[in-house]
PDB file of N, CA and C in Angstrom:
ATOM      1  N   MET A   1      46.768 -15.193 -18.227  1.00  0.00           N
ATOM      2  CA  MET A   1      46.972 -13.755 -18.155  1.00  0.00           C
ATOM      3  C   MET A   1      45.793 -13.015 -18.769  1.00  0.00           C
ATOM      4  N   PHE A   2      45.368 -13.454 -19.963  1.00  0.00           N
ATOM      5  CA  PHE A   2      44.258 -12.801 -20.662  1.00  0.00           C
ATOM      6  C   PHE A   2      42.958 -12.932 -19.865  1.00  0.00           C
ATOM      7  N   THR A   3      42.723 -14.081 -19.268  1.00  0.00           N
ATOM      8  CA  THR A   3      41.513 -14.307 -18.482  1.00  0.00           C
ATOM      9  C   THR A   3      41.510 -13.429 -17.235  1.00  0.00           C
ATOM     10  N   GLN A   4      42.655 -13.309 -16.581  1.00  0.00           N
ATOM     11  CA  GLN A   4      42.750 -12.466 -15.388  1.00  0.00           C
ATOM     12  C   GLN A   4      42.478 -11.002 -15.735  1.00  0.00           C
ATOM     13  N   LEU A   5      42.972 -10.550 -16.861  1.00  0.00           N
ATOM     14  CA  LEU A   5      42.752  -9.183 -17.304  1.00  0.00           C
ATOM     15  C   LEU A   5      41.273  -8.947 -17.590  1.00  0.00           C
ATOM     16  N   ASN A   6      40.601  -9.913 -18.205  1.00  0.00           N
ATOM     17  CA  ASN A   6      39.169  -9.772 -18.488  1.00  0.00           C
ATOM     18  C   ASN A   6      38.348  -9.699 -17.211  1.00  0.00           C
ATOM     19  N   LYS A   7      38.700 -10.497 -16.204  1.00  0.00           N
ATOM     20  CA  LYS A   7      37.977 -10.465 -14.934  1.00  0.00           C
ATOM     21  C   LYS A   7      38.172  -9.116 -14.240  1.00  0.00           C
ATOM     22  N   SER A   8      39.395  -8.638 -14.241  1.00  0.00           N
ATOM     23  CA  SER A   8      39.676  -7.334 -13.623  1.00  0.00           C
ATOM     24  C   SER A   8      38.944  -6.220 -14.344  1.00  0.00           C
ATOM     25  N   SER A   9      38.964  -6.271 -15.660  1.00  0.00           N
ATOM     26  CA  SER A   9      38.265  -5.251 -16.455  1.00  0.00           C
ATOM     27  C   SER A   9      36.771  -5.286 -16.175  1.00  0.00           C
ATOM     28  N   ALA A  10      36.226  -6.479 -16.088  1.00  0.00           N
ATOM     29  CA  ALA A  10      34.797  -6.619 -15.822  1.00  0.00           C
ATOM     30  C   ALA A  10      34.441  -6.041 -14.455  1.00  0.00           C
ATOM     31  N   LEU A  11      35.278  -6.265 -13.458  1.00  0.00           N
ATOM     32  CA  LEU A  11      35.017  -5.719 -12.120  1.00  0.00           C
ATOM     33  C   LEU A  11      35.090  -4.200 -12.116  1.00  0.00           C
ATOM     34  N   VAL A  12      36.080  -3.650 -12.798  1.00  0.00           N
ATOM     35  CA  VAL A  12      36.222  -2.196 -12.851  1.00  0.00           C
ATOM     36  C   VAL A  12      35.043  -1.572 -13.584  1.00  0.00           C
ATOM     37  N   ILE A  13      34.667  -2.148 -14.707  1.00  0.00           N
ATOM     38  CA  ILE A  13      33.531  -1.621 -15.473  1.00  0.00           C
ATOM     39  C   ILE A  13      32.239  -1.740 -14.670  1.00  0.00           C
ATOM     40  N   GLY A  14      32.051  -2.867 -13.980  1.00  0.00           N
ATOM     41  CA  GLY A  14      30.862  -3.049 -13.146  1.00  0.00           C
ATOM     42  C   GLY A  14      30.784  -2.009 -12.040  1.00  0.00           C
ATOM     43  N   ALA A  15      31.915  -1.759 -11.398  1.00  0.00           N
ATOM     44  CA  ALA A  15      31.940  -0.742 -10.334  1.00  0.00           C
ATOM     45  C   ALA A  15      31.641   0.642 -10.893  1.00  0.00           C
ATOM     46  N   MET A  16      32.171   0.943 -12.077  1.00  0.00           N
ATOM     47  CA  MET A  16      31.919   2.246 -12.698  1.00  0.00           C
ATOM     48  C   MET A  16      30.442   2.434 -13.007  1.00  0.00           C
ATOM     49  N   LEU A  17      29.767   1.362 -13.387  1.00  0.00           N
ATOM     50  CA  LEU A  17      28.346   1.454 -13.705  1.00  0.00           C
ATOM     51  C   LEU A  17      27.483   1.563 -12.460  1.00  0.00           C
ATOM     52  N   LEU A  18      27.886   0.924 -11.375  1.00  0.00           N
ATOM     53  CA  LEU A  18      27.078   0.932 -10.159  1.00  0.00           C
ATOM     54  C   LEU A  18      27.201   2.231  -9.364  1.00  0.00           C
ATOM     55  N   LEU A  19      28.347   2.862  -9.360  1.00  0.00           N
ATOM     56  CA  LEU A  19      28.527   4.081  -8.565  1.00  0.00           C
ATOM     57  C   LEU A  19      27.591   5.211  -8.979  1.00  0.00           C
ATOM     58  N   PRO A  20      27.434   5.514 -10.266  1.00  0.00           N
ATOM     59  CA  PRO A  20      26.466   6.561 -10.624  1.00  0.00           C
ATOM     60  C   PRO A  20      25.038   6.178 -10.261  1.00  0.00           C
ATOM     61  N   ALA A  21      24.715   4.898 -10.332  1.00  0.00           N
ATOM     62  CA  ALA A  21      23.364   4.463  -9.980  1.00  0.00           C
ATOM     63  C   ALA A  21      23.080   4.751  -8.515  1.00  0.00           C
ATOM     64  N   CYS A  22      24.065   4.550  -7.638  1.00  0.00           N
ATOM     65  CA  CYS A  22      23.877   4.854  -6.217  1.00  0.00           C
ATOM     66  C   CYS A  22      23.626   6.341  -6.027  1.00  0.00           C
ATOM     67  N   SER A  23      24.362   7.158  -6.746  1.00  0.00           N
ATOM     68  CA  SER A  23      24.176   8.605  -6.672  1.00  0.00           C
ATOM     69  C   SER A  23      22.788   9.000  -7.163  1.00  0.00           C
ATOM     70  N   ALA A  24      22.336   8.361  -8.228  1.00  0.00           N
ATOM     71  CA  ALA A  24      21.007   8.660  -8.769  1.00  0.00           C
ATOM     72  C   ALA A  24      19.924   8.307  -7.758  1.00  0.00           C
ATOM     73  N   VAL A  25      20.078   7.196  -7.070  1.00  0.00           N
ATOM     74  CA  VAL A  25      19.094   6.796  -6.054  1.00  0.00           C
ATOM     75  C   VAL A  25      19.096   7.800  -4.907  1.00  0.00           C
ATOM     76  N   ASP A  26      20.280   8.237  -4.481  1.00  0.00           N
ATOM     77  CA  ASP A  26      20.370   9.241  -3.415  1.00  0.00           C
ATOM     78  C   ASP A  26      19.699  10.551  -3.842  1.00  0.00           C
ATOM     79  N   ASN A  27      19.946  10.968  -5.076  1.00  0.00           N
ATOM     80  CA  ASN A  27      19.318  12.194  -5.584  1.00  0.00           C
ATOM     81  C   ASN A  27      17.810  12.056  -5.628  1.00  0.00           C
ATOM     82  N   LEU A  28      17.324  10.896  -6.043  1.00  0.00           N
ATOM     83  CA  LEU A  28      15.887  10.659  -6.117  1.00  0.00           C
ATOM     84  C   LEU A  28      15.260  10.712  -4.730  1.00  0.00           C
ATOM     85  N   MET A  29      15.900  10.080  -3.755  1.00  0.00           N
ATOM     86  CA  MET A  29      15.374  10.101  -2.390  1.00  0.00           C
ATOM     87  C   MET A  29      15.405  11.524  -1.832  1.00  0.00           C
ATOM     88  N   GLY A  30      16.443  12.270  -2.148  1.00  0.00           N
ATOM     89  CA  GLY A  30      16.517  13.660  -1.713  1.00  0.00           C
ATOM     90  C   GLY A  30      15.401  14.495  -2.306  1.00  0.00           C
ATOM     91  N   THR A  31      15.044  14.207  -3.557  1.00  0.00           N
ATOM     92  CA  THR A  31      13.948  14.927  -4.213  1.00  0.00           C
ATOM     93  C   THR A  31      12.630  14.639  -3.513  1.00  0.00           C
ATOM     94  N   PHE A  32      12.371  13.385  -3.165  1.00  0.00           N
ATOM     95  CA  PHE A  32      11.137  13.045  -2.461  1.00  0.00           C
ATOM     96  C   PHE A  32      11.065  13.767  -1.116  1.00  0.00           C
ATOM     97  N   GLU A  33      12.191  13.848  -0.432  1.00  0.00           N
ATOM     98  CA  GLU A  33      12.230  14.558   0.847  1.00  0.00           C
ATOM     99  C   GLU A  33      11.947  16.050   0.647  1.00  0.00           C
ATOM    100  N   LYS A  34      12.476  16.622  -0.419  1.00  0.00           N
ATOM    101  CA  LYS A  34      12.230  18.039  -0.726  1.00  0.00           C
ATOM    102  C   LYS A  34      10.748  18.273  -1.027  1.00  0.00           C
ATOM    103  N   PHE A  35      10.125  17.350  -1.767  1.00  0.00           N
ATOM    104  CA  PHE A  35       8.702  17.497  -2.071  1.00  0.00           C
ATOM    105  C   PHE A  35       7.873  17.442  -0.791  1.00  0.00           C
ATOM    106  N   ALA A  36       8.224  16.555   0.129  1.00  0.00           N
ATOM    107  CA  ALA A  36       7.509  16.471   1.410  1.00  0.00           C
ATOM    108  C   ALA A  36       7.715  17.752   2.217  1.00  0.00           C
ATOM    109  N   GLU A  37       8.928  18.286   2.178  1.00  0.00           N
ATOM    110  CA  GLU A  37       9.216  19.548   2.876  1.00  0.00           C
ATOM    111  C   GLU A  37       8.420  20.697   2.255  1.00  0.00           C
ATOM    112  N   LEU A  38       8.299  20.689   0.929  1.00  0.00           N
ATOM    113  CA  LEU A  38       7.516  21.716   0.246  1.00  0.00           C
ATOM    114  C   LEU A  38       6.041  21.612   0.618  1.00  0.00           C
ATOM    115  N   GLU A  39       5.512  20.400   0.731  1.00  0.00           N
ATOM    116  CA  GLU A  39       4.121  20.217   1.166  1.00  0.00           C
ATOM    117  C   GLU A  39       3.915  20.837   2.545  1.00  0.00           C
ATOM    118  N   ARG A  40       4.856  20.617   3.454  1.00  0.00           N
ATOM    119  CA  ARG A  40       4.744  21.182   4.804  1.00  0.00           C
ATOM    120  C   ARG A  40       4.810  22.714   4.764  1.00  0.00           C
ATOM    121  N   ALA A  41       5.685  23.260   3.919  1.00  0.00           N
ATOM    122  CA  ALA A  41       5.818  24.720   3.812  1.00  0.00           C
ATOM    123  C   ALA A  41       4.539  25.349   3.257  1.00  0.00           C
ATOM    124  N   ILE A  42       3.945  24.715   2.245  1.00  0.00           N
ATOM    125  CA  ILE A  42       2.690  25.220   1.667  1.00  0.00           C
ATOM    126  C   ILE A  42       1.579  25.130   2.702  1.00  0.00           C
ATOM    127  N   ASN A  43       1.534  24.032   3.438  1.00  0.00           N
ATOM    128  CA  ASN A  43       0.528  23.866   4.482  1.00  0.00           C
ATOM    129  C   ASN A  43       0.663  24.958   5.535  1.00  0.00           C
ATOM    130  N   ALA A  44       1.902  25.260   5.928  1.00  0.00           N
ATOM    131  CA  ALA A  44       2.126  26.293   6.942  1.00  0.00           C
ATOM    132  C   ALA A  44       1.722  27.673   6.418  1.00  0.00           C
ATOM    133  N   GLU A  45       1.979  27.935   5.152  1.00  0.00           N
ATOM    134  CA  GLU A  45       1.709  29.250   4.578  1.00  0.00           C
ATOM    135  C   GLU A  45       0.230  29.454   4.239  1.00  0.00           C
ATOM    136  N   LEU A  46      -0.405  28.409   3.684  1.00  0.00           N
ATOM    137  CA  LEU A  46      -1.791  28.555   3.205  1.00  0.00           C
ATOM    138  C   LEU A  46      -2.825  27.803   4.037  1.00  0.00           C
ATOM    139  N   SER A  47      -2.371  27.011   5.000  1.00  0.00           N
ATOM    140  CA  SER A  47      -3.262  26.181   5.817  1.00  0.00           C
ATOM    141  C   SER A  47      -4.108  25.245   4.952  1.00  0.00           C
ATOM    142  N   VAL A  48      -3.434  24.562   4.014  1.00  0.00           N
ATOM    143  CA  VAL A  48      -4.098  23.589   3.151  1.00  0.00           C
ATOM    144  C   VAL A  48      -3.282  22.300   3.128  1.00  0.00           C
ATOM    145  N   ASP A  49      -3.936  21.217   2.758  1.00  0.00           N
ATOM    146  CA  ASP A  49      -3.284  19.914   2.649  1.00  0.00           C
ATOM    147  C   ASP A  49      -2.912  19.693   1.184  1.00  0.00           C
ATOM    148  N   SER A  50      -1.725  20.137   0.782  1.00  0.00           N
ATOM    149  CA  SER A  50      -1.308  20.040  -0.620  1.00  0.00           C
ATOM    150  C   SER A  50      -0.591  18.728  -0.900  1.00  0.00           C
ATOM    151  N   LYS A  51      -0.510  18.395  -2.173  1.00  0.00           N
ATOM    152  CA  LYS A  51       0.267  17.256  -2.662  1.00  0.00           C
ATOM    153  C   LYS A  51       1.232  17.810  -3.699  1.00  0.00           C
ATOM    154  N   VAL A  52       2.495  17.405  -3.629  1.00  0.00           N
ATOM    155  CA  VAL A  52       3.520  17.942  -4.523  1.00  0.00           C
ATOM    156  C   VAL A  52       4.235  16.799  -5.236  1.00  0.00           C
ATOM    157  N   SER A  53       4.470  16.996  -6.513  1.00  0.00           N
ATOM    158  CA  SER A  53       5.298  16.079  -7.297  1.00  0.00           C
ATOM    159  C   SER A  53       6.060  16.917  -8.308  1.00  0.00           C
ATOM    160  N   GLY A  54       6.956  16.297  -9.032  1.00  0.00           N
ATOM    161  CA  GLY A  54       7.719  17.037 -10.025  1.00  0.00           C
ATOM    162  C   GLY A  54       8.550  16.123 -10.891  1.00  0.00           C
ATOM    163  N   ASN A  55       9.212  16.706 -11.860  1.00  0.00           N
ATOM    164  CA  ASN A  55      10.024  15.933 -12.800  1.00  0.00           C
ATOM    165  C   ASN A  55      11.368  16.603 -13.047  1.00  0.00           C
ATOM    166  N   TRP A  56      12.373  15.761 -13.167  1.00  0.00           N
ATOM    167  CA  TRP A  56      13.705  16.178 -13.596  1.00  0.00           C
ATOM    168  C   TRP A  56      13.951  15.487 -14.928  1.00  0.00           C
ATOM    169  N   SER A  57      14.613  16.148 -15.855  1.00  0.00           N
ATOM    170  CA  SER A  57      14.957  15.540 -17.134  1.00  0.00           C
ATOM    171  C   SER A  57      16.355  15.974 -17.533  1.00  0.00           C
ATOM    172  N   ASN A  58      17.251  15.006 -17.658  1.00  0.00           N
ATOM    173  CA  ASN A  58      18.640  15.281 -18.032  1.00  0.00           C
ATOM    174  C   ASN A  58      19.274  16.346 -17.155  1.00  0.00           C
ATOM    175  N   GLY A  59      19.000  16.262 -15.856  1.00  0.00           N
ATOM    176  CA  GLY A  59      19.595  17.187 -14.909  1.00  0.00           C
ATOM    177  C   GLY A  59      18.891  18.524 -14.786  1.00  0.00           C
ATOM    178  N   ALA A  60      17.844  18.750 -15.591  1.00  0.00           N
ATOM    179  CA  ALA A  60      17.096  20.009 -15.522  1.00  0.00           C
ATOM    180  C   ALA A  60      15.788  19.775 -14.772  1.00  0.00           C
ATOM    181  N   PHE A  61      15.448  20.715 -13.931  1.00  0.00           N
ATOM    182  CA  PHE A  61      14.210  20.652 -13.147  1.00  0.00           C
ATOM    183  C   PHE A  61      13.088  21.149 -14.052  1.00  0.00           C
ATOM    184  N   THR A  62      12.303  20.232 -14.612  1.00  0.00           N
ATOM    185  CA  THR A  62      11.329  20.617 -15.641  1.00  0.00           C
ATOM    186  C   THR A  62      10.020  21.142 -15.084  1.00  0.00           C
ATOM    187  N   ASN A  63       9.447  20.478 -14.066  1.00  0.00           N
ATOM    188  CA  ASN A  63       8.185  20.989 -13.548  1.00  0.00           C
ATOM    189  C   ASN A  63       7.909  20.542 -12.121  1.00  0.00           C
ATOM    190  N   VAL A  64       7.063  21.338 -11.473  1.00  0.00           N
ATOM    191  CA  VAL A  64       6.537  21.009 -10.148  1.00  0.00           C
ATOM    192  C   VAL A  64       5.025  21.059 -10.259  1.00  0.00           C
ATOM    193  N   ASN A  65       4.383  20.042  -9.702  1.00  0.00           N
ATOM    194  CA  ASN A  65       2.925  19.967  -9.673  1.00  0.00           C
ATOM    195  C   ASN A  65       2.472  20.105  -8.231  1.00  0.00           C
ATOM    196  N   VAL A  66       1.655  21.103  -7.963  1.00  0.00           N
ATOM    197  CA  VAL A  66       1.103  21.316  -6.625  1.00  0.00           C
ATOM    198  C   VAL A  66      -0.406  21.177  -6.741  1.00  0.00           C
ATOM    199  N   ILE A  67      -0.954  20.223  -6.013  1.00  0.00           N
ATOM    200  CA  ILE A  67      -2.404  19.996  -6.033  1.00  0.00           C
ATOM    201  C   ILE A  67      -2.966  20.441  -4.699  1.00  0.00           C
ATOM    202  N   ILE A  68      -3.975  21.301  -4.774  1.00  0.00           N
ATOM    203  CA  ILE A  68      -4.594  21.872  -3.582  1.00  0.00           C
ATOM    204  C   ILE A  68      -6.098  21.620  -3.636  1.00  0.00           C
ATOM    205  N   PRO A  69      -6.697  21.143  -2.550  1.00  0.00           N
ATOM    206  CA  PRO A  69      -8.151  20.975  -2.525  1.00  0.00           C
ATOM    207  C   PRO A  69      -8.854  22.324  -2.683  1.00  0.00           C
ATOM    208  N   ALA A  70      -9.715  22.433  -3.667  1.00  0.00           N
ATOM    209  CA  ALA A  70     -10.382  23.701  -3.976  1.00  0.00           C
ATOM    210  C   ALA A  70     -11.210  24.220  -2.803  1.00  0.00           C
ATOM    211  N   ASN A  71     -11.841  23.318  -2.078  1.00  0.00           N
ATOM    212  CA  ASN A  71     -12.701  23.761  -0.979  1.00  0.00           C
ATOM    213  C   ASN A  71     -11.910  24.356   0.189  1.00  0.00           C
ATOM    214  N   GLU A  72     -10.588  24.151   0.212  1.00  0.00           N
ATOM    215  CA  GLU A  72      -9.770  24.686   1.307  1.00  0.00           C
ATOM    216  C   GLU A  72      -9.221  26.080   1.010  1.00  0.00           C
ATOM    217  N   ILE A  73      -9.323  26.545  -0.224  1.00  0.00           N
ATOM    218  CA  ILE A  73      -8.750  27.853  -0.561  1.00  0.00           C
ATOM    219  C   ILE A  73      -9.741  28.721  -1.327  1.00  0.00           C
ATOM    220  N   SER A  74     -10.995  28.584  -1.062  1.00  0.00           N
ATOM    221  CA  SER A  74     -12.028  29.272  -1.830  1.00  0.00           C
ATOM    222  C   SER A  74     -11.889  30.794  -1.807  1.00  0.00           C
ATOM    223  N   GLU A  75     -11.253  31.346  -0.794  1.00  0.00           N
ATOM    224  CA  GLU A  75     -11.138  32.797  -0.700  1.00  0.00           C
ATOM    225  C   GLU A  75      -9.906  33.345  -1.424  1.00  0.00           C
ATOM    226  N   LYS A  76      -9.054  32.497  -2.009  1.00  0.00           N
ATOM    227  CA  LYS A  76      -7.841  32.956  -2.696  1.00  0.00           C
ATOM    228  C   LYS A  76      -7.996  32.830  -4.209  1.00  0.00           C
ATOM    229  N   ASN A  77      -7.387  33.754  -4.943  1.00  0.00           N
ATOM    230  CA  ASN A  77      -7.413  33.637  -6.398  1.00  0.00           C
ATOM    231  C   ASN A  77      -6.111  32.999  -6.892  1.00  0.00           C
ATOM    232  N   VAL A  78      -6.049  32.728  -8.175  1.00  0.00           N
ATOM    233  CA  VAL A  78      -4.908  32.016  -8.751  1.00  0.00           C
ATOM    234  C   VAL A  78      -3.608  32.804  -8.582  1.00  0.00           C
ATOM    235  N   ASP A  79      -3.648  34.101  -8.787  1.00  0.00           N
ATOM    236  CA  ASP A  79      -2.441  34.922  -8.636  1.00  0.00           C
ATOM    237  C   ASP A  79      -1.897  34.854  -7.206  1.00  0.00           C
ATOM    238  N   GLU A  80      -2.779  34.916  -6.227  1.00  0.00           N
ATOM    239  CA  GLU A  80      -2.342  34.824  -4.836  1.00  0.00           C
ATOM    240  C   GLU A  80      -1.679  33.476  -4.557  1.00  0.00           C
ATOM    241  N   LEU A  81      -2.274  32.424  -5.100  1.00  0.00           N
ATOM    242  CA  LEU A  81      -1.711  31.090  -4.883  1.00  0.00           C
ATOM    243  C   LEU A  81      -0.326  30.962  -5.514  1.00  0.00           C
ATOM    244  N   THR A  82      -0.206  31.347  -6.783  1.00  0.00           N
ATOM    245  CA  THR A  82       1.092  31.201  -7.452  1.00  0.00           C
ATOM    246  C   THR A  82       2.147  32.132  -6.846  1.00  0.00           C
ATOM    247  N   ASN A  83       1.742  33.330  -6.451  1.00  0.00           N
ATOM    248  CA  ASN A  83       2.696  34.254  -5.830  1.00  0.00           C
ATOM    249  C   ASN A  83       3.158  33.767  -4.461  1.00  0.00           C
ATOM    250  N   THR A  84       2.364  32.934  -3.825  1.00  0.00           N
ATOM    251  CA  THR A  84       2.751  32.355  -2.539  1.00  0.00           C
ATOM    252  C   THR A  84       3.576  31.084  -2.750  1.00  0.00           C
ATOM    253  N   ILE A  85       3.161  30.250  -3.685  1.00  0.00           N
ATOM    254  CA  ILE A  85       3.788  28.940  -3.878  1.00  0.00           C
ATOM    255  C   ILE A  85       5.134  29.025  -4.597  1.00  0.00           C
ATOM    256  N   GLN A  86       5.242  29.853  -5.623  1.00  0.00           N
ATOM    257  CA  GLN A  86       6.470  29.893  -6.422  1.00  0.00           C
ATOM    258  C   GLN A  86       7.726  30.185  -5.593  1.00  0.00           C
ATOM    259  N   PRO A  87       7.714  31.197  -4.724  1.00  0.00           N
ATOM    260  CA  PRO A  87       8.923  31.422  -3.901  1.00  0.00           C
ATOM    261  C   PRO A  87       9.228  30.254  -2.962  1.00  0.00           C
ATOM    262  N   LEU A  88       8.185  29.574  -2.476  1.00  0.00           N
ATOM    263  CA  LEU A  88       8.406  28.414  -1.610  1.00  0.00           C
ATOM    264  C   LEU A  88       9.095  27.294  -2.379  1.00  0.00           C
ATOM    265  N   VAL A  89       8.702  27.091  -3.634  1.00  0.00           N
ATOM    266  CA  VAL A  89       9.322  26.056  -4.469  1.00  0.00           C
ATOM    267  C   VAL A  89      10.818  26.327  -4.605  1.00  0.00           C
ATOM    268  N   VAL A  90      11.167  27.551  -4.955  1.00  0.00           N
ATOM    269  CA  VAL A  90      12.573  27.907  -5.157  1.00  0.00           C
ATOM    270  C   VAL A  90      13.353  27.792  -3.844  1.00  0.00           C
ATOM    271  N   GLN A  91      12.738  28.230  -2.751  1.00  0.00           N
ATOM    272  CA  GLN A  91      13.404  28.196  -1.449  1.00  0.00           C
ATOM    273  C   GLN A  91      13.650  26.767  -0.983  1.00  0.00           C
ATOM    274  N   VAL A  92      12.638  25.919  -1.062  1.00  0.00           N
ATOM    275  CA  VAL A  92      12.749  24.566  -0.513  1.00  0.00           C
ATOM    276  C   VAL A  92      13.549  23.644  -1.430  1.00  0.00           C
ATOM    277  N   ILE A  93      13.261  23.676  -2.711  1.00  0.00           N
ATOM    278  CA  ILE A  93      13.914  22.749  -3.637  1.00  0.00           C
ATOM    279  C   ILE A  93      15.257  23.293  -4.123  1.00  0.00           C
ATOM    280  N   GLU A  94      15.475  24.576  -3.928  1.00  0.00           N
ATOM    281  CA  GLU A  94      16.735  25.223  -4.294  1.00  0.00           C
ATOM    282  C   GLU A  94      17.001  25.174  -5.795  1.00  0.00           C
ATOM    283  N   ALA A  95      15.923  25.191  -6.556  1.00  0.00           N
ATOM    284  CA  ALA A  95      16.007  25.244  -8.017  1.00  0.00           C
ATOM    285  C   ALA A  95      14.669  25.758  -8.524  1.00  0.00           C
ATOM    286  N   GLU A  96      14.714  26.472  -9.641  1.00  0.00           N
ATOM    287  CA  GLU A  96      13.461  26.974 -10.209  1.00  0.00           C
ATOM    288  C   GLU A  96      13.050  26.080 -11.369  1.00  0.00           C
ATOM    289  N   PRO A  97      11.844  25.514 -11.302  1.00  0.00           N
ATOM    290  CA  PRO A  97      11.406  24.636 -12.391  1.00  0.00           C
ATOM    291  C   PRO A  97      11.068  25.446 -13.642  1.00  0.00           C
ATOM    292  N   GLU A  98      11.111  24.776 -14.787  1.00  0.00           N
ATOM    293  CA  GLU A  98      10.694  25.429 -16.023  1.00  0.00           C
ATOM    294  C   GLU A  98       9.208  25.794 -15.956  1.00  0.00           C
ATOM    295  N   THR A  99       8.407  24.914 -15.343  1.00  0.00           N
ATOM    296  CA  THR A  99       6.965  25.120 -15.262  1.00  0.00           C
ATOM    297  C   THR A  99       6.458  24.769 -13.870  1.00  0.00           C
ATOM    298  N   LEU A 100       5.581  25.611 -13.342  1.00  0.00           N
ATOM    299  CA  LEU A 100       4.912  25.351 -12.073  1.00  0.00           C
ATOM    300  C   LEU A 100       3.428  25.165 -12.362  1.00  0.00           C
ATOM    301  N   TYR A 101       2.911  23.991 -12.026  1.00  0.00           N
ATOM    302  CA  TYR A 101       1.485  23.714 -12.192  1.00  0.00           C
ATOM    303  C   TYR A 101       0.817  23.793 -10.828  1.00  0.00           C
ATOM    304  N   VAL A 102      -0.162  24.655 -10.693  1.00  0.00           N
ATOM    305  CA  VAL A 102      -0.967  24.727  -9.474  1.00  0.00           C
ATOM    306  C   VAL A 102      -2.355  24.251  -9.874  1.00  0.00           C
ATOM    307  N   THR A 103      -2.743  23.117  -9.323  1.00  0.00           N
ATOM    308  CA  THR A 103      -4.000  22.479  -9.699  1.00  0.00           C
ATOM    309  C   THR A 103      -4.951  22.467  -8.515  1.00  0.00           C
ATOM    310  N   LEU A 104      -6.192  22.804  -8.760  1.00  0.00           N
ATOM    311  CA  LEU A 104      -7.215  22.721  -7.728  1.00  0.00           C
ATOM    312  C   LEU A 104      -7.962  21.410  -7.913  1.00  0.00           C
ATOM    313  N   SER A 105      -8.054  20.648  -6.848  1.00  0.00           N
ATOM    314  CA  SER A 105      -8.774  19.375  -6.931  1.00  0.00           C
ATOM    315  C   SER A 105     -10.154  19.524  -6.298  1.00  0.00           C
ATOM    316  N   VAL A 106     -11.097  18.873  -6.907  1.00  0.00           N
ATOM    317  CA  VAL A 106     -12.470  18.868  -6.407  1.00  0.00           C
ATOM    318  C   VAL A 106     -12.852  17.415  -6.179  1.00  0.00           C
ATOM    319  N   THR A 107     -13.218  17.097  -4.941  1.00  0.00           N
ATOM    320  CA  THR A 107     -13.610  15.740  -4.616  1.00  0.00           C
ATOM    321  C   THR A 107     -15.123  15.640  -4.675  1.00  0.00           C
ATOM    322  N   THR A 108     -15.578  14.685  -5.440  1.00  0.00           N
ATOM    323  CA  THR A 108     -17.012  14.458  -5.532  1.00  0.00           C
ATOM    324  C   THR A 108     -17.378  13.223  -4.742  1.00  0.00           C
ATOM    325  N   SER A 109     -18.570  13.194  -4.247  1.00  0.00           N
ATOM    326  CA  SER A 109     -19.023  12.059  -3.465  1.00  0.00           C
ATOM    327  C   SER A 109     -19.261  10.863  -4.366  1.00  0.00           C
ATOM    328  N   GLN A 110     -18.852   9.695  -3.897  1.00  0.00           N
ATOM    329  CA  GLN A 110     -19.053   8.466  -4.656  1.00  0.00           C
ATOM    330  C   GLN A 110     -20.443   7.889  -4.432  1.00  0.00           C
ATOM    331  N   LYS A 111     -21.154   8.394  -3.434  1.00  0.00           N
ATOM    332  CA  LYS A 111     -22.476   7.881  -3.118  1.00  0.00           C
ATOM    333  C   LYS A 111     -23.508   8.521  -4.040  1.00  0.00           C
ATOM    334  N   SER A 112     -24.362   7.725  -4.570  1.00  0.00           N
ATOM    335  CA  SER A 112     -25.419   8.288  -5.413  1.00  0.00           C
ATOM    336  C   SER A 112     -26.545   8.769  -4.520  1.00  0.00           C
ATOM    337  N   LYS A 113     -27.133   9.876  -4.896  1.00  0.00           N
ATOM    338  CA  LYS A 113     -28.237  10.445  -4.110  1.00  0.00           C
ATOM    339  C   LYS A 113     -29.541   9.869  -4.619  1.00  0.00           C
ATOM    340  N   LYS A 114     -30.353   9.419  -3.698  1.00  0.00           N
ATOM    341  CA  LYS A 114     -31.648   8.819  -4.065  1.00  0.00           C
ATOM    342  C   LYS A 114     -32.778   9.642  -3.539  1.00  0.00           C
TER     343      LYS A 114
END
């Protein structure tokens, strides 16, 4: 009787531990899809090839990182970029992050000039 109860308890506890993990994986995959959707929205709005990432911590949306090639937006200033990107973040991800990082990337040539 005692052994049967321990096996049943172990199965119930195991199932309880696995169910939230499945939900967490689904949420994580949904976040990646949202980031890809945000990249497409930024591309449509600014005609740039952006990269988006972000972080969640204890259920709070802490930050979004948007990286934009500097040579593709030379005619825009920082205020224009953030005023365009911030509403897209809220619209696509359906949450406002604590911090929005808009980073300009500069690619340098790996070839040495002789």
